[in-house]
Amino acid sequence: MVNFTSNTYQMKREILSFSNKISKHLSKPDKKFSADMTYGMLAAGSCLLTDVVEPDGYKF
């Protein structure tokens, strides 16, 4: 049986580690924004801002 919780935790840890590497000289709020945007782009599978901030299936 696959443990999805540990897989998700590992993926999140890798994303945050990458984000910290590319934003190490930024302020704390900017680091958080960078991490949120990186995670959003990966979750959405797109770098378009409308795809990143818009939940799946939700259309205006």
PDB file of N, CA and C in Angstrom:
ATOM      1  N   MET A   1       0.841  -1.178   0.000  1.00  0.00           N
ATOM      2  CA  MET A   1       0.000   0.000   0.000  1.00  0.00           C
ATOM      3  C   MET A   1       0.886   1.242   0.000  1.00  0.00           C
ATOM      4  N   VAL A   2       0.512   2.211  -0.804  1.00  0.00           N
ATOM      5  CA  VAL A   2       1.274   3.448  -0.926  1.00  0.00           C
ATOM      6  C   VAL A   2       0.846   4.413   0.166  1.00  0.00           C
ATOM      7  N   ASN A   3       1.817   5.040   0.799  1.00  0.00           N
ATOM      8  CA  ASN A   3       1.527   6.011   1.847  1.00  0.00           C
ATOM      9  C   ASN A   3       1.549   7.405   1.236  1.00  0.00           C
ATOM     10  N   PHE A   4       0.366   7.919   0.858  1.00  0.00           N
ATOM     11  CA  PHE A   4       0.275   9.201   0.177  1.00  0.00           C
ATOM     12  C   PHE A   4       0.699  10.359   1.062  1.00  0.00           C
ATOM     13  N   THR A   5       0.474  10.266   2.364  1.00  0.00           N
ATOM     14  CA  THR A   5       0.842  11.341   3.273  1.00  0.00           C
ATOM     15  C   THR A   5       2.347  11.552   3.278  1.00  0.00           C
ATOM     16  N   SER A   6       3.113  10.490   3.372  1.00  0.00           N
ATOM     17  CA  SER A   6       4.571  10.640   3.387  1.00  0.00           C
ATOM     18  C   SER A   6       5.096  11.086   2.024  1.00  0.00           C
ATOM     19  N   ASN A   7       4.470  10.634   0.940  1.00  0.00           N
ATOM     20  CA  ASN A   7       4.870  11.097  -0.391  1.00  0.00           C
ATOM     21  C   ASN A   7       4.609  12.587  -0.553  1.00  0.00           C
ATOM     22  N   THR A   8       3.464  13.041  -0.078  1.00  0.00           N
ATOM     23  CA  THR A   8       3.116  14.456  -0.157  1.00  0.00           C
ATOM     24  C   THR A   8       4.068  15.282   0.690  1.00  0.00           C
ATOM     25  N   TYR A   9       4.374  14.809   1.895  1.00  0.00           N
ATOM     26  CA  TYR A   9       5.290  15.517   2.777  1.00  0.00           C
ATOM     27  C   TYR A   9       6.671  15.618   2.146  1.00  0.00           C
ATOM     28  N   GLN A  10       7.144  14.547   1.545  1.00  0.00           N
ATOM     29  CA  GLN A  10       8.458  14.549   0.907  1.00  0.00           C
ATOM     30  C   GLN A  10       8.478  15.523  -0.274  1.00  0.00           C
ATOM     31  N   MET A  11       7.426  15.531  -1.082  1.00  0.00           N
ATOM     32  CA  MET A  11       7.361  16.438  -2.215  1.00  0.00           C
ATOM     33  C   MET A  11       7.340  17.891  -1.741  1.00  0.00           C
ATOM     34  N   LYS A  12       6.556  18.185  -0.702  1.00  0.00           N
ATOM     35  CA  LYS A  12       6.494  19.545  -0.177  1.00  0.00           C
ATOM     36  C   LYS A  12       7.862  19.966   0.356  1.00  0.00           C
ATOM     37  N   ARG A  13       8.552  19.071   1.040  1.00  0.00           N
ATOM     38  CA  ARG A  13       9.875  19.370   1.580  1.00  0.00           C
ATOM     39  C   ARG A  13      10.857  19.674   0.451  1.00  0.00           C
ATOM     40  N   GLU A  14      10.789  18.927  -0.651  1.00  0.00           N
ATOM     41  CA  GLU A  14      11.671  19.167  -1.791  1.00  0.00           C
ATOM     42  C   GLU A  14      11.365  20.506  -2.452  1.00  0.00           C
ATOM     43  N   ILE A  15      10.087  20.847  -2.567  1.00  0.00           N
ATOM     44  CA  ILE A  15       9.693  22.132  -3.152  1.00  0.00           C
ATOM     45  C   ILE A  15      10.194  23.275  -2.283  1.00  0.00           C
ATOM     46  N   LEU A  16      10.012  23.175  -0.966  1.00  0.00           N
ATOM     47  CA  LEU A  16      10.465  24.236  -0.070  1.00  0.00           C
ATOM     48  C   LEU A  16      11.986  24.342  -0.057  1.00  0.00           C
ATOM     49  N   SER A  17      12.670  23.227  -0.152  1.00  0.00           N
ATOM     50  CA  SER A  17      14.129  23.250  -0.205  1.00  0.00           C
ATOM     51  C   SER A  17      14.603  23.980  -1.462  1.00  0.00           C
ATOM     52  N   PHE A  18      13.992  23.668  -2.599  1.00  0.00           N
ATOM     53  CA  PHE A  18      14.327  24.348  -3.851  1.00  0.00           C
ATOM     54  C   PHE A  18      14.024  25.833  -3.746  1.00  0.00           C
ATOM     55  N   SER A  19      12.866  26.161  -3.218  1.00  0.00           N
ATOM     56  CA  SER A  19      12.460  27.559  -3.092  1.00  0.00           C
ATOM     57  C   SER A  19      13.418  28.339  -2.193  1.00  0.00           C
ATOM     58  N   ASN A  20      13.861  27.721  -1.101  1.00  0.00           N
ATOM     59  CA  ASN A  20      14.819  28.383  -0.209  1.00  0.00           C
ATOM     60  C   ASN A  20      16.150  28.638  -0.905  1.00  0.00           C
ATOM     61  N   LYS A  21      16.563  27.739  -1.789  1.00  0.00           N
ATOM     62  CA  LYS A  21      17.823  27.923  -2.510  1.00  0.00           C
ATOM     63  C   LYS A  21      17.755  29.109  -3.465  1.00  0.00           C
ATOM     64  N   ILE A  22      16.618  29.281  -4.134  1.00  0.00           N
ATOM     65  CA  ILE A  22      16.531  30.363  -5.121  1.00  0.00           C
ATOM     66  C   ILE A  22      16.161  31.700  -4.499  1.00  0.00           C
ATOM     67  N   SER A  23      15.772  31.707  -3.220  1.00  0.00           N
ATOM     68  CA  SER A  23      15.351  32.967  -2.596  1.00  0.00           C
ATOM     69  C   SER A  23      16.091  33.245  -1.290  1.00  0.00           C
ATOM     70  N   LYS A  24      17.319  32.769  -1.166  1.00  0.00           N
ATOM     71  CA  LYS A  24      18.017  32.873   0.115  1.00  0.00           C
ATOM     72  C   LYS A  24      18.337  34.302   0.536  1.00  0.00           C
ATOM     73  N   HIS A  25      18.418  35.242  -0.398  1.00  0.00           N
ATOM     74  CA  HIS A  25      18.743  36.623  -0.045  1.00  0.00           C
ATOM     75  C   HIS A  25      17.502  37.523   0.042  1.00  0.00           C
ATOM     76  N   LEU A  26      16.336  36.944  -0.014  1.00  0.00           N
ATOM     77  CA  LEU A  26      15.097  37.722   0.052  1.00  0.00           C
ATOM     78  C   LEU A  26      14.608  37.839   1.490  1.00  0.00           C
ATOM     79  N   SER A  27      13.693  38.781   1.707  1.00  0.00           N
ATOM     80  CA  SER A  27      13.077  38.925   3.027  1.00  0.00           C
ATOM     81  C   SER A  27      12.140  37.745   3.274  1.00  0.00           C
ATOM     82  N   LYS A  28      11.735  37.563   4.519  1.00  0.00           N
ATOM     83  CA  LYS A  28      10.879  36.431   4.876  1.00  0.00           C
ATOM     84  C   LYS A  28       9.543  36.439   4.114  1.00  0.00           C
ATOM     85  N   PRO A  29       8.853  37.602   3.996  1.00  0.00           N
ATOM     86  CA  PRO A  29       7.607  37.586   3.217  1.00  0.00           C
ATOM     87  C   PRO A  29       7.838  37.231   1.745  1.00  0.00           C
ATOM     88  N   ASP A  30       8.940  37.708   1.176  1.00  0.00           N
ATOM     89  CA  ASP A  30       9.245  37.386  -0.214  1.00  0.00           C
ATOM     90  C   ASP A  30       9.598  35.911  -0.385  1.00  0.00           C
ATOM     91  N   LYS A  31      10.269  35.322   0.609  1.00  0.00           N
ATOM     92  CA  LYS A  31      10.565  33.883   0.568  1.00  0.00           C
ATOM     93  C   LYS A  31       9.276  33.073   0.588  1.00  0.00           C
ATOM     94  N   LYS A  32       8.333  33.481   1.436  1.00  0.00           N
ATOM     95  CA  LYS A  32       7.050  32.779   1.521  1.00  0.00           C
ATOM     96  C   LYS A  32       6.290  32.894   0.203  1.00  0.00           C
ATOM     97  N   PHE A  33       6.295  34.090  -0.380  1.00  0.00           N
ATOM     98  CA  PHE A  33       5.635  34.286  -1.668  1.00  0.00           C
ATOM     99  C   PHE A  33       6.269  33.394  -2.732  1.00  0.00           C
ATOM    100  N   SER A  34       7.592  33.344  -2.745  1.00  0.00           N
ATOM    101  CA  SER A  34       8.303  32.510  -3.707  1.00  0.00           C
ATOM    102  C   SER A  34       7.929  31.035  -3.534  1.00  0.00           C
ATOM    103  N   ALA A  35       7.879  30.579  -2.289  1.00  0.00           N
ATOM    104  CA  ALA A  35       7.510  29.183  -2.025  1.00  0.00           C
ATOM    105  C   ALA A  35       6.073  28.907  -2.455  1.00  0.00           C
ATOM    106  N   ASP A  36       5.162  29.820  -2.141  1.00  0.00           N
ATOM    107  CA  ASP A  36       3.755  29.640  -2.521  1.00  0.00           C
ATOM    108  C   ASP A  36       3.582  29.614  -4.035  1.00  0.00           C
ATOM    109  N   MET A  37       4.288  30.493  -4.728  1.00  0.00           N
ATOM    110  CA  MET A  37       4.176  30.528  -6.185  1.00  0.00           C
ATOM    111  C   MET A  37       4.793  29.284  -6.818  1.00  0.00           C
ATOM    112  N   THR A  38       5.920  28.840  -6.289  1.00  0.00           N
ATOM    113  CA  THR A  38       6.552  27.623  -6.815  1.00  0.00           C
ATOM    114  C   THR A  38       5.621  26.427  -6.641  1.00  0.00           C
ATOM    115  N   TYR A  39       5.052  26.294  -5.444  1.00  0.00           N
ATOM    116  CA  TYR A  39       4.123  25.192  -5.188  1.00  0.00           C
ATOM    117  C   TYR A  39       2.891  25.311  -6.091  1.00  0.00           C
ATOM    118  N   GLY A  40       2.368  26.526  -6.245  1.00  0.00           N
ATOM    119  CA  GLY A  40       1.190  26.739  -7.093  1.00  0.00           C
ATOM    120  C   GLY A  40       1.450  26.389  -8.543  1.00  0.00           C
ATOM    121  N   MET A  41       2.625  26.760  -9.045  1.00  0.00           N
ATOM    122  CA  MET A  41       2.960  26.437 -10.434  1.00  0.00           C
ATOM    123  C   MET A  41       3.060  24.928 -10.630  1.00  0.00           C
ATOM    124  N   LEU A  42       3.666  24.247  -9.682  1.00  0.00           N
ATOM    125  CA  LEU A  42       3.782  22.791  -9.801  1.00  0.00           C
ATOM    126  C   LEU A  42       2.428  22.108  -9.659  1.00  0.00           C
ATOM    127  N   ALA A  43       1.603  22.589  -8.742  1.00  0.00           N
ATOM    128  CA  ALA A  43       0.282  21.988  -8.545  1.00  0.00           C
ATOM    129  C   ALA A  43      -0.616  22.212  -9.754  1.00  0.00           C
ATOM    130  N   ALA A  44      -0.532  23.417 -10.352  1.00  0.00           N
ATOM    131  CA  ALA A  44      -1.373  23.741 -11.497  1.00  0.00           C
ATOM    132  C   ALA A  44      -0.816  23.171 -12.795  1.00  0.00           C
ATOM    133  N   GLY A  45       0.474  22.890 -12.814  1.00  0.00           N
ATOM    134  CA  GLY A  45       1.101  22.416 -14.043  1.00  0.00           C
ATOM    135  C   GLY A  45       1.222  23.516 -15.071  1.00  0.00           C
ATOM    136  N   SER A  46       1.258  24.750 -14.617  1.00  0.00           N
ATOM    137  CA  SER A  46       1.298  25.903 -15.502  1.00  0.00           C
ATOM    138  C   SER A  46       1.972  27.066 -14.785  1.00  0.00           C
ATOM    139  N   CYS A  47       2.563  27.961 -15.553  1.00  0.00           N
ATOM    140  CA  CYS A  47       3.161  29.150 -14.947  1.00  0.00           C
ATOM    141  C   CYS A  47       2.300  30.388 -15.189  1.00  0.00           C
ATOM    142  N   LEU A  48       1.124  30.215 -15.772  1.00  0.00           N
ATOM    143  CA  LEU A  48       0.203  31.333 -15.956  1.00  0.00           C
ATOM    144  C   LEU A  48      -0.410  31.701 -14.611  1.00  0.00           C
ATOM    145  N   LEU A  49      -0.371  32.978 -14.276  1.00  0.00           N
ATOM    146  CA  LEU A  49      -0.851  33.422 -12.977  1.00  0.00           C
ATOM    147  C   LEU A  49      -2.304  33.030 -12.737  1.00  0.00           C
ATOM    148  N   THR A  50      -3.140  33.123 -13.751  1.00  0.00           N
ATOM    149  CA  THR A  50      -4.551  32.753 -13.573  1.00  0.00           C
ATOM    150  C   THR A  50      -4.716  31.278 -13.249  1.00  0.00           C
ATOM    151  N   ASP A  51      -3.836  30.430 -13.764  1.00  0.00           N
ATOM    152  CA  ASP A  51      -3.890  28.995 -13.455  1.00  0.00           C
ATOM    153  C   ASP A  51      -3.356  28.707 -12.060  1.00  0.00           C
ATOM    154  N   VAL A  52      -2.367  29.482 -11.623  1.00  0.00           N
ATOM    155  CA  VAL A  52      -1.739  29.246 -10.325  1.00  0.00           C
ATOM    156  C   VAL A  52      -2.676  29.630  -9.189  1.00  0.00           C
ATOM    157  N   VAL A  53      -3.369  30.753  -9.304  1.00  0.00           N
ATOM    158  CA  VAL A  53      -4.198  31.238  -8.202  1.00  0.00           C
ATOM    159  C   VAL A  53      -5.624  30.709  -8.229  1.00  0.00           C
ATOM    160  N   GLU A  54      -6.027  30.121  -9.329  1.00  0.00           N
ATOM    161  CA  GLU A  54      -7.397  29.650  -9.483  1.00  0.00           C
ATOM    162  C   GLU A  54      -7.507  28.181  -9.088  1.00  0.00           C
ATOM    163  N   PRO A  55      -8.386  27.856  -8.148  1.00  0.00           N
ATOM    164  CA  PRO A  55      -8.566  26.444  -7.779  1.00  0.00           C
ATOM    165  C   PRO A  55      -9.048  25.618  -8.973  1.00  0.00           C
ATOM    166  N   ASP A  56      -8.752  24.332  -8.947  1.00  0.00           N
ATOM    167  CA  ASP A  56      -9.168  23.426 -10.023  1.00  0.00           C
ATOM    168  C   ASP A  56     -10.668  23.506 -10.259  1.00  0.00           C
ATOM    169  N   GLY A  57     -11.025  23.661 -11.510  1.00  0.00           N
ATOM    170  CA  GLY A  57     -12.429  23.626 -11.875  1.00  0.00           C
ATOM    171  C   GLY A  57     -13.211  24.902 -11.596  1.00  0.00           C
ATOM    172  N   TYR A  58     -12.616  25.861 -10.925  1.00  0.00           N
ATOM    173  CA  TYR A  58     -13.340  27.086 -10.602  1.00  0.00           C
ATOM    174  C   TYR A  58     -13.118  28.101 -11.706  1.00  0.00           C
ATOM    175  N   LYS A  59     -14.182  28.586 -12.263  1.00  0.00           N
ATOM    176  CA  LYS A  59     -14.087  29.598 -13.331  1.00  0.00           C
ATOM    177  C   LYS A  59     -14.936  30.801 -12.943  1.00  0.00           C
ATOM    178  N   PHE A  60     -14.438  31.968 -13.270  1.00  0.00           N
ATOM    179  CA  PHE A  60     -15.187  33.196 -12.965  1.00  0.00           C
ATOM    180  C   PHE A  60     -16.350  33.376 -13.886  1.00  0.00           C
TER     181      PHE A  60
END
